[in-house]
């Protein structure tokens, strides 16, 4: 939903060296579960979705 590649691109455009360091699929936590109806209404998820992808992005100056 947040666009990991877009984040990497924005960090790179700001002069940092950025890359995705790790990804993990995990069941939704309480925050996403509490917002399910809104996320569906916005077309951001389907009814069947119940996993989120956690992404760690590393960015540093050279």
N, C-alpha and C. Protein backbone atom coordinates (compact mmCIF):
# COMPACT_ATOMS: atom_id res chain seq x y z
N UNK A 1 0.81 -1.20 0.00
CA UNK A 1 0.00 0.00 0.00
C UNK A 1 0.85 1.26 0.00
N UNK A 2 2.03 1.19 0.62
CA UNK A 2 2.82 2.42 0.72
C UNK A 2 3.78 2.59 -0.45
N UNK A 3 4.03 1.55 -1.21
CA UNK A 3 4.90 1.68 -2.37
C UNK A 3 6.38 1.71 -2.02
N UNK A 4 6.93 0.57 -1.69
CA UNK A 4 8.33 0.50 -1.29
C UNK A 4 9.26 1.02 -2.39
N UNK A 5 9.00 0.67 -3.63
CA UNK A 5 9.88 1.13 -4.71
C UNK A 5 9.81 2.64 -4.87
N UNK A 6 8.63 3.21 -4.71
CA UNK A 6 8.51 4.67 -4.77
C UNK A 6 9.33 5.33 -3.67
N UNK A 7 9.31 4.75 -2.49
CA UNK A 7 10.11 5.27 -1.39
C UNK A 7 11.59 5.20 -1.71
N UNK A 8 12.04 4.06 -2.25
CA UNK A 8 13.44 3.92 -2.65
C UNK A 8 13.78 4.97 -3.70
N UNK A 9 12.91 5.15 -4.67
CA UNK A 9 13.16 6.14 -5.74
C UNK A 9 13.26 7.56 -5.17
N UNK A 10 12.39 7.92 -4.24
CA UNK A 10 12.44 9.25 -3.64
C UNK A 10 13.72 9.45 -2.83
N UNK A 11 14.12 8.45 -2.10
CA UNK A 11 15.37 8.54 -1.34
C UNK A 11 16.56 8.69 -2.27
N UNK A 12 16.56 7.91 -3.34
CA UNK A 12 17.65 7.99 -4.33
C UNK A 12 17.68 9.37 -4.98
N UNK A 13 16.52 9.90 -5.32
CA UNK A 13 16.45 11.23 -5.93
C UNK A 13 16.94 12.32 -4.97
N UNK A 14 16.89 12.02 -3.68
CA UNK A 14 17.37 12.98 -2.68
C UNK A 14 18.86 12.87 -2.42
N UNK A 15 19.53 11.98 -3.18
CA UNK A 15 20.97 11.86 -3.06
C UNK A 15 21.45 10.73 -2.17
N UNK A 16 20.56 9.87 -1.74
CA UNK A 16 20.95 8.74 -0.91
C UNK A 16 21.06 7.48 -1.74
N UNK A 17 21.84 6.55 -1.25
CA UNK A 17 21.87 5.21 -1.84
C UNK A 17 20.85 4.40 -1.04
N UNK A 18 19.82 3.92 -1.71
CA UNK A 18 18.74 3.24 -1.01
C UNK A 18 18.43 1.91 -1.66
N UNK A 19 18.06 0.94 -0.83
CA UNK A 19 17.64 -0.36 -1.35
C UNK A 19 16.79 -1.06 -0.31
N UNK A 20 15.97 -1.99 -0.80
CA UNK A 20 15.17 -2.81 0.09
C UNK A 20 16.10 -3.86 0.68
N UNK A 21 16.17 -3.90 2.01
CA UNK A 21 17.05 -4.84 2.68
C UNK A 21 16.39 -6.16 3.03
N UNK A 22 15.09 -6.11 3.30
CA UNK A 22 14.37 -7.33 3.67
C UNK A 22 12.88 -7.12 3.48
N UNK A 23 12.19 -8.23 3.27
CA UNK A 23 10.72 -8.24 3.16
C UNK A 23 10.21 -9.45 3.93
N UNK A 24 9.04 -9.29 4.53
CA UNK A 24 8.40 -10.41 5.22
C UNK A 24 6.89 -10.25 5.11
N UNK A 25 6.21 -11.34 4.79
CA UNK A 25 4.75 -11.35 4.77
C UNK A 25 4.26 -11.82 6.13
N UNK A 26 3.39 -11.03 6.73
CA UNK A 26 2.87 -11.35 8.06
C UNK A 26 1.37 -11.09 8.10
N UNK A 27 0.66 -11.77 9.00
CA UNK A 27 -0.77 -11.48 9.13
C UNK A 27 -0.98 -10.03 9.56
N UNK A 28 -2.10 -9.46 9.16
CA UNK A 28 -2.42 -8.09 9.52
C UNK A 28 -2.44 -7.93 11.03
N UNK A 29 -1.94 -6.80 11.46
CA UNK A 29 -2.00 -6.44 12.87
C UNK A 29 -3.30 -5.72 13.17
N UNK A 30 -3.47 -5.28 14.40
CA UNK A 30 -4.74 -4.66 14.81
C UNK A 30 -5.07 -3.36 14.08
N UNK A 31 -4.07 -2.60 13.68
CA UNK A 31 -4.35 -1.32 13.00
C UNK A 31 -4.98 -1.58 11.63
N UNK A 32 -4.37 -2.42 10.81
CA UNK A 32 -4.95 -2.70 9.50
C UNK A 32 -6.31 -3.40 9.62
N UNK A 33 -6.42 -4.33 10.57
CA UNK A 33 -7.71 -5.01 10.75
C UNK A 33 -8.80 -3.99 11.09
N UNK A 34 -8.49 -2.99 11.90
CA UNK A 34 -9.50 -2.01 12.29
C UNK A 34 -9.89 -1.10 11.13
N UNK A 35 -9.07 -1.04 10.09
CA UNK A 35 -9.33 -0.16 8.94
C UNK A 35 -9.76 -0.93 7.68
N UNK A 36 -10.05 -2.22 7.83
CA UNK A 36 -10.39 -3.07 6.69
C UNK A 36 -11.50 -2.48 5.83
N UNK A 37 -12.60 -2.09 6.43
CA UNK A 37 -13.74 -1.58 5.65
C UNK A 37 -13.33 -0.37 4.82
N UNK A 38 -12.60 0.57 5.42
CA UNK A 38 -12.17 1.77 4.70
C UNK A 38 -11.22 1.40 3.56
N UNK A 39 -10.28 0.51 3.82
CA UNK A 39 -9.33 0.10 2.78
C UNK A 39 -10.05 -0.55 1.60
N UNK A 40 -11.06 -1.37 1.89
CA UNK A 40 -11.86 -1.98 0.82
C UNK A 40 -12.61 -0.90 0.04
N UNK A 41 -13.23 0.04 0.74
CA UNK A 41 -13.98 1.12 0.07
C UNK A 41 -13.09 1.95 -0.84
N UNK A 42 -11.85 2.13 -0.46
CA UNK A 42 -10.91 2.92 -1.25
C UNK A 42 -10.31 2.11 -2.40
N UNK A 43 -10.61 0.82 -2.44
CA UNK A 43 -10.07 -0.03 -3.50
C UNK A 43 -8.60 -0.39 -3.29
N UNK A 44 -8.13 -0.27 -2.06
CA UNK A 44 -6.72 -0.55 -1.78
C UNK A 44 -6.46 -2.02 -1.48
N UNK A 45 -7.52 -2.75 -1.12
CA UNK A 45 -7.39 -4.18 -0.83
C UNK A 45 -8.61 -4.91 -1.36
N UNK A 46 -8.48 -6.22 -1.46
CA UNK A 46 -9.63 -7.06 -1.80
C UNK A 46 -10.14 -7.71 -0.51
N UNK A 47 -11.31 -8.29 -0.58
CA UNK A 47 -11.90 -8.94 0.60
C UNK A 47 -11.03 -10.07 1.13
N UNK A 48 -10.31 -10.74 0.24
CA UNK A 48 -9.54 -11.92 0.64
C UNK A 48 -8.19 -11.59 1.29
N UNK A 49 -7.75 -10.37 1.19
CA UNK A 49 -6.42 -10.03 1.72
C UNK A 49 -6.38 -10.04 3.24
N UNK A 50 -5.36 -10.68 3.79
CA UNK A 50 -5.17 -10.66 5.23
C UNK A 50 -3.69 -10.73 5.62
N UNK A 51 -2.82 -10.53 4.62
CA UNK A 51 -1.38 -10.47 4.88
C UNK A 51 -0.85 -9.11 4.45
N UNK A 52 0.11 -8.61 5.19
CA UNK A 52 0.80 -7.39 4.80
C UNK A 52 2.26 -7.73 4.60
N UNK A 53 2.92 -6.95 3.78
CA UNK A 53 4.35 -7.13 3.53
C UNK A 53 5.09 -6.03 4.27
N UNK A 54 5.89 -6.43 5.23
CA UNK A 54 6.75 -5.48 5.93
C UNK A 54 8.03 -5.34 5.13
N UNK A 55 8.47 -4.11 4.92
CA UNK A 55 9.65 -3.84 4.10
C UNK A 55 10.62 -2.99 4.91
N UNK A 56 11.87 -3.41 4.91
CA UNK A 56 12.93 -2.61 5.53
C UNK A 56 13.74 -2.00 4.41
N UNK A 57 13.82 -0.67 4.43
CA UNK A 57 14.58 0.06 3.41
C UNK A 57 15.80 0.68 4.09
N UNK A 58 16.94 0.43 3.51
CA UNK A 58 18.17 1.01 4.03
C UNK A 58 18.59 2.14 3.10
N UNK A 59 18.89 3.31 3.68
CA UNK A 59 19.35 4.45 2.90
C UNK A 59 20.52 5.09 3.62
N UNK A 60 21.54 5.47 2.84
CA UNK A 60 22.71 6.10 3.44
C UNK A 60 23.36 7.05 2.48
N UNK A 61 24.09 7.99 3.03
CA UNK A 61 24.92 8.89 2.25
C UNK A 61 26.17 8.15 1.82
N UNK A 62 26.70 8.53 0.69
CA UNK A 62 27.99 7.97 0.29
C UNK A 62 29.10 8.90 0.63
